[in-house]
Amino acid sequence: MILKVLLTIIFLVVMVGVGLYSRKQASSVDGFVLGGRAVGPWLTAFAFGTSYFSAVVFVGYAGQFGWKYGMSSAWIGIGNAIIGSLLAWIILGRRTKLMTQHIESRTMPDFFGTRFNDQGLRVAASIIAFVFLIPYTAGVYSGISRLFEMGFEIPYEYCVVIMSILTAVYVIIGGYKATAMNDFIQGIIMLFGIVAVILAVLNAQGGLAAAVDKLAVIPSDADPSVNGGFASWFGPDPWGLLGVVILTSLGTMGLPQMVGKFYSITDESAIKRGTVISTIFAFIVAGGCYFLGGFGRLYEPVIGANGKIAFDSIVPAMLVTLPDVLIALVVLLVLSASMSTLASLVLTSSSTMTLDLIYRDKKSLPGEVEDGTIDDIVAEKIERRKVVVMRVLIMFFIVISLLIALNPPTFIAQLMGISWGALAGAFLAPFMLGLYSKNVTTASVWACFIWGVGLTVINMLVGNPINPINCGAIAMVGGFPVVWLVSLFTKKLPKQTVDQIFECYK
């Protein structure tokens, strides 16, 4: 226990120290939100990866989907690396950097408002982002607290409160640069931690071959007379597995806290290096998490108060028998993954509310002349005021998420399915197509917002007849035909305006 406490204290002191070190760069809006648009490839790649993979993946998703699909759940991690990291960087990286810098966009809602010349879109997107980032944040709190309960025997409620306070401290002090630097440190811990934990768990089962043999004799849930499904290539439910791969992989391209990483990277050469780094990171961390979860059925399941398996307790049950040193490493691993994701979520939400709702400045499209100017002193005061408001909203966002986390309505995986489904269902198609096509119309963006949020919310209100995971995947993929079809029959933006926006690619 002394070792676990000591390592955790050192970790937390370093996190706060980085926040203090970065505080000077967080005095302006660009500095606080984007790190001055001068964050290098290593920091950006690790910030992308650590924001992607949190306790939601390690505890919630690895446990639940490892139990459902066995070893085939490793395909989810492979999909995360290839689609969620490699393709996300290739498809979005360069174009997002160039266009958002050209139109002076700082947030995803700001992009929609300026790119499609409709400030109503900016307001709607900011409200969607703020509302649906909350269940995601609550899921992260829940996951990390379950590991702390296992490692430190501290009540869940205390864990949630402590984590929220510590995350708020370093984000409020240092902004995005502190978050990115801490993400790099946390990413290193995650890489070493996941490898060490996998080796320890397999060793406890007699090695990889012995663990696979044990998994192969477990009967299927659907047909107890059939064995071997949990040790097969595609598992007992390939179509269900595909839905999870789509939700957890494609979704990153439509999430504000993920896409925002491309806003802040230094230049195009950094994007190329960041692509490689981020993909390798995802293969090791995501692939390792789901591979580990695939062996969950070799351990006695935890039964909840409702008489059903407590999926969020599967991974903690696998780890509780490990040596103390490894448990300490696991706690740091999940703490690293979760604090980085929490920092990204609260920073995204607060900046969106501040810049796109409270201080919604009128913006000129490229080539237009602004009416009137303000002197430098007034502009500097407004900038400082915006940063103060963002810091206050960080606390507000954390408190709301905390209240949900203290009484979570469902499993972590379902919380994340609702959040990712609504956000990426609304944003993915219009954002990606808006970077590539001049023909996307303002009306089609509104239609996609209604589609993504509407499908997710209606499904939730009628009792989830479609599993939230599959519903999220449908919302994301379905957004593309919605945008394409509505764009065919609605009014296009003025050609001169669109041409000026796309000049950034020349």
Protein backbone atom coordinates (compact mmCIF):
# COMPACT_ATOMS: atom_id res chain seq x y z
CA MET A 1 0.00 0.00 0.00
CA ILE A 2 2.89 2.37 0.78
CA LEU A 3 4.32 1.74 -2.70
CA LYS A 4 0.96 2.35 -4.40
CA VAL A 5 0.35 5.56 -2.48
CA LEU A 6 3.90 6.83 -3.05
CA LEU A 7 3.83 6.26 -6.82
CA THR A 8 0.41 7.86 -7.11
CA ILE A 9 1.49 10.94 -5.13
CA ILE A 10 4.61 11.36 -7.30
CA PHE A 11 2.47 11.04 -10.43
CA LEU A 12 -0.03 13.65 -9.25
CA VAL A 13 2.69 16.09 -8.16
CA VAL A 14 4.27 15.85 -11.63
CA MET A 15 0.89 16.51 -13.29
CA VAL A 16 0.29 19.65 -11.23
CA GLY A 17 3.92 20.72 -11.74
CA VAL A 18 3.48 20.58 -15.52
CA GLY A 19 0.39 22.73 -15.15
CA LEU A 20 2.37 25.35 -13.22
CA TYR A 21 5.19 25.20 -15.79
CA SER A 22 2.74 25.85 -18.66
CA ARG A 23 0.70 28.60 -17.01
CA LYS A 24 2.38 31.49 -18.87
CA GLN A 25 1.29 30.05 -22.23
CA ALA A 26 -2.32 29.85 -21.05
CA SER A 27 -2.95 33.58 -20.71
CA SER A 28 -4.54 34.05 -24.17
CA VAL A 29 -7.40 32.16 -25.80
CA ASP A 30 -5.19 30.60 -28.48
CA GLY A 31 -2.65 29.64 -25.83
CA PHE A 32 -5.23 28.18 -23.46
CA VAL A 33 -7.27 26.29 -26.08
CA LEU A 34 -4.72 25.42 -28.80
CA GLY A 35 -1.29 25.80 -27.22
CA GLY A 36 -0.61 28.67 -29.62
CA ARG A 37 -1.05 26.29 -32.61
CA ALA A 38 2.57 25.25 -32.10
CA VAL A 39 2.39 21.79 -30.52
CA GLY A 40 4.84 19.27 -32.00
CA PRO A 41 4.12 15.80 -33.47
CA TRP A 42 5.06 13.74 -30.40
CA LEU A 43 2.93 15.76 -28.00
CA THR A 44 0.02 15.90 -30.46
CA ALA A 45 0.17 12.18 -31.27
CA PHE A 46 0.24 11.21 -27.61
CA ALA A 47 -2.50 13.75 -26.81
CA PHE A 48 -4.64 12.16 -29.54
CA GLY A 49 -3.98 8.63 -28.26
CA THR A 50 -4.41 9.31 -24.57
CA SER A 51 -7.62 11.27 -25.20
CA TYR A 52 -8.86 8.30 -27.26
CA PHE A 53 -8.11 5.55 -24.74
CA SER A 54 -9.18 5.98 -21.14
CA ALA A 55 -10.67 3.92 -18.32
CA VAL A 56 -13.73 3.64 -20.56
CA VAL A 57 -11.67 1.40 -22.85
CA PHE A 58 -9.51 -0.36 -20.27
CA VAL A 59 -12.28 -1.11 -17.75
CA GLY A 60 -15.64 -0.69 -19.51
CA TYR A 61 -15.07 -1.73 -23.11
CA ALA A 62 -12.29 -4.29 -22.62
CA GLY A 63 -14.30 -5.98 -19.87
CA GLN A 64 -17.71 -5.99 -21.54
CA PHE A 65 -16.64 -6.80 -25.10
CA GLY A 66 -13.90 -9.18 -24.03
CA TRP A 67 -16.59 -11.12 -22.17
CA LYS A 68 -18.96 -11.06 -25.17
CA TYR A 69 -16.52 -11.76 -27.99
CA GLY A 70 -13.50 -13.45 -26.36
CA MET A 71 -10.17 -13.15 -28.14
CA SER A 72 -11.83 -11.73 -31.24
CA SER A 73 -12.36 -8.48 -29.30
CA ALA A 74 -8.73 -7.71 -30.24
CA TRP A 75 -10.16 -6.71 -33.65
CA ILE A 76 -11.67 -3.67 -31.92
CA GLY A 77 -8.17 -2.50 -30.95
CA ILE A 78 -6.88 -3.17 -34.47
CA GLY A 79 -9.78 -1.18 -35.92
CA ASN A 80 -9.04 1.65 -33.48
CA ALA A 81 -5.44 1.76 -34.70
CA ILE A 82 -6.14 1.54 -38.45
CA ILE A 83 -9.40 3.50 -38.75
CA GLY A 84 -9.49 5.59 -35.58
CA SER A 85 -5.84 6.65 -35.70
CA LEU A 86 -4.13 6.02 -39.07
CA LEU A 87 -7.05 6.96 -41.33
CA ALA A 88 -8.16 9.78 -39.02
CA TRP A 89 -4.75 11.43 -39.35
CA ILE A 90 -4.50 10.79 -43.11
CA ILE A 91 -8.05 11.96 -43.94
CA LEU A 92 -8.43 14.83 -41.48
CA GLY A 93 -4.99 15.92 -40.26
CA ARG A 94 -3.66 18.18 -43.01
CA ARG A 95 -7.01 19.53 -44.22
CA THR A 96 -8.24 20.31 -40.71
CA LYS A 97 -5.02 22.13 -39.84
CA LEU A 98 -5.02 24.25 -43.00
CA MET A 99 -8.71 25.11 -43.21
CA THR A 100 -9.24 25.89 -39.50
CA GLN A 101 -6.18 28.13 -39.51
CA HIS A 102 -7.35 29.83 -42.72
CA ILE A 103 -10.84 30.61 -41.39
CA GLU A 104 -9.48 31.28 -37.87
CA SER A 105 -11.56 28.54 -36.26
CA ARG A 106 -10.72 27.49 -32.69
CA THR A 107 -13.44 24.90 -32.06
CA MET A 108 -15.55 22.47 -34.06
CA PRO A 109 -18.77 24.50 -33.60
CA ASP A 110 -16.81 27.56 -34.75
CA PHE A 111 -15.81 25.58 -37.87
CA PHE A 112 -19.44 24.78 -38.70
CA GLY A 113 -20.55 28.39 -38.20
CA THR A 114 -17.79 29.86 -40.39
CA ARG A 115 -17.40 27.14 -43.03
CA PHE A 116 -21.17 27.09 -43.73
CA ASN A 117 -21.77 30.79 -43.01
CA ASP A 118 -24.48 30.16 -40.39
CA GLN A 119 -23.95 31.18 -36.77
CA GLY A 120 -27.03 29.17 -35.82
CA LEU A 121 -25.01 26.04 -36.66
CA ARG A 122 -22.28 27.26 -34.33
CA VAL A 123 -24.74 27.62 -31.44
CA ALA A 124 -26.45 24.28 -32.09
CA ALA A 125 -23.14 22.42 -32.36
CA SER A 126 -21.84 23.94 -29.11
CA ILE A 127 -24.99 22.86 -27.24
CA ILE A 128 -24.77 19.33 -28.69
CA ALA A 129 -21.09 19.11 -27.72
CA PHE A 130 -21.66 20.36 -24.18
CA VAL A 131 -24.64 18.08 -23.47
CA PHE A 132 -23.25 14.86 -24.92
CA LEU A 133 -19.70 15.17 -23.62
CA ILE A 134 -21.14 14.90 -20.10
CA PRO A 135 -22.10 11.17 -20.20
CA TYR A 136 -18.70 10.38 -21.72
CA THR A 137 -16.96 12.18 -18.88
CA ALA A 138 -19.15 10.39 -16.33
CA GLY A 139 -18.15 7.07 -17.88
CA VAL A 140 -14.46 7.94 -17.53
CA TYR A 141 -14.92 8.86 -13.86
CA SER A 142 -16.74 5.61 -13.24
CA GLY A 143 -14.04 3.48 -14.85
CA ILE A 144 -11.10 5.00 -13.04
CA SER A 145 -12.86 4.87 -9.70
CA ARG A 146 -13.52 1.14 -9.99
CA LEU A 147 -9.79 0.53 -10.39
CA PHE A 148 -9.03 2.77 -7.42
CA GLU A 149 -11.53 0.83 -5.34
CA MET A 150 -9.68 -2.37 -6.25
CA GLY A 151 -6.16 -1.00 -5.78
CA PHE A 152 -6.56 1.22 -2.73
CA GLU A 153 -9.80 -0.01 -1.14
CA ILE A 154 -11.05 3.58 -1.16
CA PRO A 155 -14.84 4.05 -1.55
CA TYR A 156 -15.93 4.81 -5.11
CA GLU A 157 -17.40 8.21 -4.18
CA TYR A 158 -14.13 9.50 -2.73
CA CYS A 159 -12.18 8.34 -5.80
CA VAL A 160 -14.49 10.21 -8.17
CA VAL A 161 -14.26 13.47 -6.21
CA ILE A 162 -10.45 13.32 -5.84
CA MET A 163 -9.90 12.66 -9.56
CA SER A 164 -12.18 15.49 -10.62
CA ILE A 165 -10.41 18.01 -8.39
CA LEU A 166 -6.91 17.01 -9.52
CA THR A 167 -7.81 17.09 -13.22
CA ALA A 168 -9.40 20.51 -12.83
CA VAL A 169 -6.28 21.89 -11.15
CA TYR A 170 -3.78 21.23 -13.92
CA VAL A 171 -6.16 22.03 -16.79
CA ILE A 172 -7.26 25.32 -15.23
CA ILE A 173 -3.66 26.36 -14.52
CA GLY A 174 -1.94 25.30 -17.75
CA GLY A 175 -4.59 24.90 -20.46
CA TYR A 176 -3.93 22.84 -23.59
CA LYS A 177 -0.12 22.91 -23.43
CA ALA A 178 -0.16 21.47 -19.91
CA THR A 179 -2.68 18.87 -21.05
CA ALA A 180 -0.50 17.87 -24.04
CA MET A 181 2.69 17.63 -21.96
CA ASN A 182 0.93 15.56 -19.32
CA ASP A 183 -0.58 13.40 -22.05
CA PHE A 184 2.95 12.55 -23.23
CA ILE A 185 4.02 11.48 -19.74
CA GLN A 186 0.79 9.58 -19.23
CA GLY A 187 1.15 7.90 -22.63
CA ILE A 188 4.58 6.51 -21.73
CA ILE A 189 3.10 5.02 -18.55
CA MET A 190 0.23 3.50 -20.57
CA LEU A 191 2.60 1.85 -23.07
CA PHE A 192 4.74 0.18 -20.42
CA GLY A 193 1.78 -0.59 -18.19
CA ILE A 194 -0.38 -2.44 -20.71
CA VAL A 195 2.52 -4.65 -21.85
CA ALA A 196 3.47 -5.53 -18.26
CA VAL A 197 -0.13 -6.31 -17.26
CA ILE A 198 -0.75 -8.57 -20.29
CA LEU A 199 2.42 -10.57 -19.58
CA ALA A 200 1.47 -10.93 -15.91
CA VAL A 201 -2.11 -12.08 -16.62
CA LEU A 202 -1.01 -14.61 -19.25
CA ASN A 203 1.73 -15.89 -16.96
CA ALA A 204 -0.86 -16.42 -14.21
CA GLN A 205 -2.84 -18.61 -16.64
CA GLY A 206 0.19 -20.72 -17.60
CA GLY A 207 1.16 -18.81 -20.74
CA LEU A 208 -0.62 -17.75 -23.94
CA ALA A 209 -1.19 -21.26 -25.32
CA ALA A 210 -2.64 -22.52 -22.03
CA ALA A 211 -4.90 -19.46 -21.71
CA VAL A 212 -6.25 -19.95 -25.26
CA ASP A 213 -6.88 -23.66 -24.59
CA LYS A 214 -8.87 -22.78 -21.45
CA LEU A 215 -10.90 -20.22 -23.39
CA ALA A 216 -11.62 -22.75 -26.17
CA VAL A 217 -13.50 -25.13 -23.86
CA ILE A 218 -15.93 -22.48 -22.57
CA PRO A 219 -19.41 -23.03 -24.06
CA SER A 220 -21.20 -20.35 -26.04
CA ASP A 221 -23.88 -18.26 -24.31
CA ALA A 222 -26.28 -18.74 -27.23
CA ASP A 223 -25.72 -22.51 -27.55
CA PRO A 224 -24.10 -24.27 -24.54
CA SER A 225 -23.42 -27.34 -26.69
CA VAL A 226 -20.94 -25.37 -28.82
CA ASN A 227 -17.43 -24.67 -27.54
CA GLY A 228 -14.54 -22.68 -28.97
CA GLY A 229 -16.31 -19.48 -30.03
CA PHE A 230 -14.45 -17.31 -27.55
CA ALA A 231 -11.08 -18.52 -28.88
CA SER A 232 -11.99 -18.15 -32.57
CA TRP A 233 -10.92 -15.47 -35.05
CA PHE A 234 -14.26 -13.65 -35.26
CA GLY A 235 -15.94 -14.77 -32.04
CA PRO A 236 -19.54 -15.84 -31.39
CA ASP A 237 -21.14 -12.67 -32.82
CA PRO A 238 -19.21 -11.20 -35.79
CA TRP A 239 -21.90 -8.63 -36.69
CA GLY A 240 -22.11 -7.31 -33.14
CA LEU A 241 -18.32 -7.11 -33.11
CA LEU A 242 -18.38 -5.10 -36.36
CA GLY A 243 -20.76 -2.56 -34.79
CA VAL A 244 -18.35 -2.00 -31.90
CA VAL A 245 -15.42 -1.61 -34.30
CA ILE A 246 -17.33 1.06 -36.27
CA LEU A 247 -18.48 2.97 -33.18
CA THR A 248 -15.10 3.04 -31.44
CA SER A 249 -13.01 3.59 -34.60
CA LEU A 250 -14.98 5.82 -36.95
CA GLY A 251 -16.28 7.93 -34.07
CA THR A 252 -12.94 9.63 -33.40
CA MET A 253 -13.23 11.56 -36.66
CA GLY A 254 -16.39 13.30 -35.45
CA LEU A 255 -15.55 14.03 -31.80
CA PRO A 256 -14.62 17.66 -30.97
CA GLN A 257 -11.98 16.71 -28.39
CA MET A 258 -10.20 14.46 -30.92
CA VAL A 259 -10.40 16.63 -34.05
CA GLY A 260 -9.22 19.62 -32.01
CA LYS A 261 -5.76 18.04 -31.79
CA PHE A 262 -5.24 18.77 -35.49
CA TYR A 263 -5.99 22.47 -34.94
CA SER A 264 -2.95 22.89 -32.70
CA ILE A 265 -0.19 20.91 -34.46
CA THR A 266 2.72 22.97 -35.82
CA ASP A 267 2.88 22.16 -39.56
CA GLU A 268 2.34 19.58 -42.29
CA SER A 269 5.61 17.71 -41.69
CA ALA A 270 4.62 17.30 -38.03
CA ILE A 271 1.33 15.75 -39.19
CA LYS A 272 3.20 13.04 -41.12
CA ARG A 273 5.32 12.10 -38.10
CA GLY A 274 2.33 12.31 -35.79
CA THR A 275 0.42 9.85 -38.00
CA VAL A 276 3.04 7.14 -37.50
CA ILE A 277 3.45 7.77 -33.77
CA SER A 278 -0.28 7.84 -33.08
CA THR A 279 -0.93 4.61 -35.00
CA ILE A 280 1.80 2.66 -33.20
CA PHE A 281 0.52 3.97 -29.87
CA ALA A 282 -3.03 2.82 -30.70
CA PHE A 283 -1.89 -0.66 -31.78
CA ILE A 284 -0.12 -1.23 -28.47
CA VAL A 285 -2.61 0.38 -26.09
CA ALA A 286 -5.98 -0.39 -27.72
CA GLY A 287 -4.90 -3.76 -29.10
CA GLY A 288 -3.45 -4.66 -25.71
CA CYS A 289 -6.56 -3.60 -23.76
CA TYR A 290 -8.99 -5.63 -25.84
CA PHE A 291 -6.62 -8.59 -26.08
CA LEU A 292 -6.41 -8.61 -22.29
CA GLY A 293 -10.19 -8.31 -21.90
CA GLY A 294 -10.64 -11.32 -24.18
CA PHE A 295 -9.47 -13.57 -21.34
CA GLY A 296 -12.05 -12.21 -18.87
CA ARG A 297 -14.06 -15.47 -18.91
CA LEU A 298 -11.14 -17.28 -17.27
CA TYR A 299 -11.97 -15.42 -14.07
CA GLU A 300 -15.00 -15.62 -11.80
CA PRO A 301 -17.48 -12.90 -12.85
CA VAL A 302 -18.73 -10.31 -10.39
CA ILE A 303 -22.52 -10.41 -10.03
CA GLY A 304 -24.21 -7.06 -9.43
CA ALA A 305 -27.16 -6.28 -7.16
CA ASN A 306 -29.54 -6.88 -10.10
CA GLY A 307 -28.33 -10.46 -10.45
CA LYS A 308 -26.52 -9.74 -13.74
CA ILE A 309 -22.81 -9.72 -14.51
CA ALA A 310 -21.17 -6.41 -13.57
CA PHE A 311 -19.20 -5.85 -16.78
CA ASP A 312 -17.31 -2.89 -15.32
CA SER A 313 -15.88 -5.18 -12.62
CA ILE A 314 -14.50 -7.86 -14.97
CA VAL A 315 -11.09 -6.27 -15.57
CA PRO A 316 -10.59 -5.26 -11.91
CA ALA A 317 -11.39 -8.88 -10.96
CA MET A 318 -8.69 -10.06 -13.39
CA LEU A 319 -6.11 -7.75 -11.84
CA VAL A 320 -6.83 -8.06 -8.14
CA THR A 321 -4.62 -11.15 -7.78
CA LEU A 322 -1.56 -9.51 -9.36
CA PRO A 323 1.50 -8.59 -7.24
CA ASP A 324 1.31 -5.22 -5.48
CA VAL A 325 3.91 -3.65 -7.79
CA LEU A 326 1.82 -4.50 -10.84
CA ILE A 327 -1.39 -3.29 -9.20
CA ALA A 328 0.37 0.01 -8.53
CA LEU A 329 1.36 0.11 -12.22
CA VAL A 330 -2.22 -0.67 -13.28
CA VAL A 331 -3.56 2.14 -11.11
CA LEU A 332 -1.09 4.56 -12.71
CA LEU A 333 -1.95 3.20 -16.16
CA VAL A 334 -5.67 3.83 -15.74
CA LEU A 335 -5.08 7.09 -13.88
CA SER A 336 -2.94 8.27 -16.81
CA ALA A 337 -5.45 7.20 -19.43
CA SER A 338 -8.38 8.72 -17.60
CA MET A 339 -6.92 12.04 -16.51
CA SER A 340 -5.72 12.75 -20.04
CA THR A 341 -9.18 12.04 -21.46
CA LEU A 342 -10.90 14.05 -18.72
CA ALA A 343 -8.59 17.00 -19.34
CA SER A 344 -9.36 16.94 -23.06
CA LEU A 345 -13.10 16.66 -22.48
CA VAL A 346 -13.40 19.49 -19.96
CA LEU A 347 -11.15 21.78 -22.02
CA THR A 348 -13.18 21.11 -25.18
CA SER A 349 -16.49 21.67 -23.43
CA SER A 350 -15.49 24.88 -21.65
CA SER A 351 -13.87 26.42 -24.75
CA THR A 352 -16.93 25.55 -26.85
CA MET A 353 -19.34 27.15 -24.39
CA THR A 354 -17.17 30.26 -24.00
CA LEU A 355 -16.22 30.93 -27.61
CA ASP A 356 -19.38 29.69 -29.34
CA LEU A 357 -22.15 30.70 -26.94
CA ILE A 358 -21.07 33.36 -24.45
CA TYR A 359 -18.54 35.32 -26.56
CA ARG A 360 -19.85 34.59 -30.02
CA ASP A 361 -17.88 37.17 -31.99
CA LYS A 362 -19.04 38.03 -35.48
CA LYS A 363 -16.52 36.54 -37.89
CA SER A 364 -15.66 37.49 -41.43
CA LEU A 365 -15.17 34.87 -44.09
CA PRO A 366 -11.82 34.86 -45.91
CA GLY A 367 -11.73 37.78 -48.33
CA GLU A 368 -14.32 39.85 -46.45
CA VAL A 369 -13.50 43.12 -44.69
CA GLU A 370 -14.51 43.45 -41.03
CA ASP A 371 -16.53 46.46 -39.96
CA GLY A 372 -14.79 48.40 -37.21
CA THR A 373 -11.79 47.57 -35.06
CA ILE A 374 -10.99 47.67 -31.37
CA ASP A 375 -7.76 48.86 -29.80
CA ASP A 376 -5.16 46.42 -28.48
CA ILE A 377 -5.81 47.14 -24.80
CA VAL A 378 -9.52 46.36 -25.06
CA ALA A 379 -8.79 43.25 -27.14
CA GLU A 380 -6.32 42.00 -24.53
CA LYS A 381 -8.88 42.52 -21.74
CA ILE A 382 -11.50 40.57 -23.68
CA GLU A 383 -9.03 37.74 -24.28
CA ARG A 384 -8.21 37.53 -20.56
CA ARG A 385 -11.91 37.58 -19.69
CA LYS A 386 -12.58 34.69 -22.06
CA VAL A 387 -9.85 32.62 -20.42
CA VAL A 388 -11.33 33.32 -16.96
CA VAL A 389 -14.80 32.27 -18.16
CA MET A 390 -13.35 29.05 -19.62
CA ARG A 391 -11.72 28.23 -16.31
CA VAL A 392 -14.99 28.77 -14.46
CA LEU A 393 -16.86 26.59 -16.95
CA ILE A 394 -14.30 23.80 -16.52
CA MET A 395 -15.37 23.60 -12.88
CA PHE A 396 -19.06 23.72 -13.86
CA PHE A 397 -18.63 20.91 -16.40
CA ILE A 398 -16.72 18.75 -13.92
CA VAL A 399 -19.40 19.19 -11.23
CA ILE A 400 -22.23 18.11 -13.58
CA SER A 401 -20.26 15.07 -14.77
CA LEU A 402 -19.40 14.26 -11.18
CA LEU A 403 -23.07 14.18 -10.17
CA ILE A 404 -23.82 11.69 -12.97
CA ALA A 405 -20.76 9.58 -12.11
CA LEU A 406 -21.85 9.31 -8.47
CA ASN A 407 -25.07 7.66 -9.64
CA PRO A 408 -24.33 6.26 -13.11
CA PRO A 409 -27.50 5.19 -14.96
CA THR A 410 -25.94 2.30 -16.90
CA PHE A 411 -22.72 0.49 -17.76
CA ILE A 412 -19.71 2.49 -18.93
CA ALA A 413 -19.96 1.09 -22.46
CA GLN A 414 -23.57 2.24 -22.82
CA LEU A 415 -22.74 5.73 -21.50
CA MET A 416 -20.01 6.04 -24.10
CA GLY A 417 -22.26 4.62 -26.84
CA ILE A 418 -24.86 7.34 -26.21
CA SER A 419 -22.22 10.08 -26.14
CA TRP A 420 -20.23 8.97 -29.20
CA GLY A 421 -23.37 8.11 -31.17
CA ALA A 422 -24.93 11.56 -30.77
CA LEU A 423 -21.70 13.55 -31.22
CA ALA A 424 -20.17 11.66 -34.13
CA GLY A 425 -23.59 10.97 -35.67
CA ALA A 426 -24.19 14.73 -35.80
CA PHE A 427 -20.67 15.99 -36.60
CA LEU A 428 -18.70 13.31 -38.47
CA ALA A 429 -20.23 13.51 -41.96
CA PRO A 430 -20.62 17.31 -42.27
CA PHE A 431 -17.16 17.95 -40.82
CA MET A 432 -15.33 15.45 -43.03
CA LEU A 433 -17.29 16.29 -46.18
CA GLY A 434 -16.99 20.00 -45.40
CA LEU A 435 -13.21 19.68 -45.60
CA TYR A 436 -13.31 17.99 -49.00
CA SER A 437 -16.41 19.05 -50.91
CA LYS A 438 -17.56 22.51 -52.01
CA ASN A 439 -21.07 21.17 -52.58
CA VAL A 440 -22.09 20.53 -48.95
CA THR A 441 -24.98 22.85 -48.05
CA THR A 442 -25.92 24.53 -44.80
CA ALA A 443 -29.27 22.72 -44.78
CA SER A 444 -27.52 19.34 -45.03
CA VAL A 445 -25.50 20.12 -41.91
CA TRP A 446 -28.70 20.95 -40.01
CA ALA A 447 -30.22 17.70 -41.27
CA CYS A 448 -27.26 15.68 -40.02
CA PHE A 449 -27.39 17.35 -36.60
CA ILE A 450 -31.06 16.36 -36.34
CA TRP A 451 -30.31 12.84 -37.60
CA GLY A 452 -27.45 12.06 -35.20
CA VAL A 453 -28.95 13.55 -32.05
CA GLY A 454 -32.53 12.54 -32.91
CA LEU A 455 -31.74 8.88 -33.53
CA THR A 456 -29.68 8.56 -30.34
CA VAL A 457 -32.15 10.38 -28.09
CA ILE A 458 -35.28 8.66 -29.47
CA ASN A 459 -33.64 5.25 -29.12
CA MET A 460 -32.75 6.09 -25.51
CA LEU A 461 -36.24 7.42 -24.66
CA VAL A 462 -38.04 4.33 -25.98
CA GLY A 463 -35.86 1.98 -23.93
CA ASN A 464 -32.97 1.27 -26.35
CA PRO A 465 -34.66 -1.20 -28.76
CA ILE A 466 -31.41 -0.82 -30.71
CA ASN A 467 -28.36 -1.48 -28.56
CA PRO A 468 -26.75 1.96 -27.86
CA ILE A 469 -23.49 0.70 -29.39
CA ASN A 470 -25.12 -0.36 -32.66
CA CYS A 471 -27.34 2.74 -32.65
CA GLY A 472 -24.23 4.91 -32.43
CA ALA A 473 -22.63 3.10 -35.35
CA ILE A 474 -25.81 3.53 -37.44
CA ALA A 475 -25.92 7.25 -36.59
CA MET A 476 -22.33 7.77 -37.75
CA VAL A 477 -22.53 5.85 -41.02
CA GLY A 478 -26.02 7.14 -41.81
CA GLY A 479 -24.86 10.76 -41.58
CA PHE A 480 -23.03 10.50 -44.92
CA PRO A 481 -26.08 9.69 -47.11
CA VAL A 482 -28.08 12.29 -45.15
CA VAL A 483 -25.59 15.06 -45.99
CA TRP A 484 -25.20 13.91 -49.59
CA LEU A 485 -28.92 13.64 -50.32
CA VAL A 486 -29.95 16.90 -48.65
CA SER A 487 -27.09 18.73 -50.42
CA LEU A 488 -28.48 17.60 -53.78
CA PHE A 489 -31.79 19.40 -53.23
CA THR A 490 -30.91 22.46 -51.15
CA LYS A 491 -29.34 25.83 -51.86
CA LYS A 492 -25.55 25.92 -52.28
CA LEU A 493 -23.32 28.50 -50.66
CA PRO A 494 -22.10 31.33 -52.98
CA LYS A 495 -19.33 30.00 -55.23
CA GLN A 496 -17.00 32.92 -54.46
CA THR A 497 -17.33 32.35 -50.70
CA VAL A 498 -16.59 28.64 -50.95
CA ASP A 499 -13.67 29.18 -53.35
CA GLN A 500 -12.10 31.63 -50.88
CA ILE A 501 -12.40 29.07 -48.06
CA PHE A 502 -10.79 26.32 -50.16
CA GLU A 503 -7.89 28.57 -51.22
CA CYS A 504 -5.99 27.25 -48.17
CA TYR A 505 -5.28 23.97 -50.00
CA LYS A 506 -3.53 25.60 -52.96
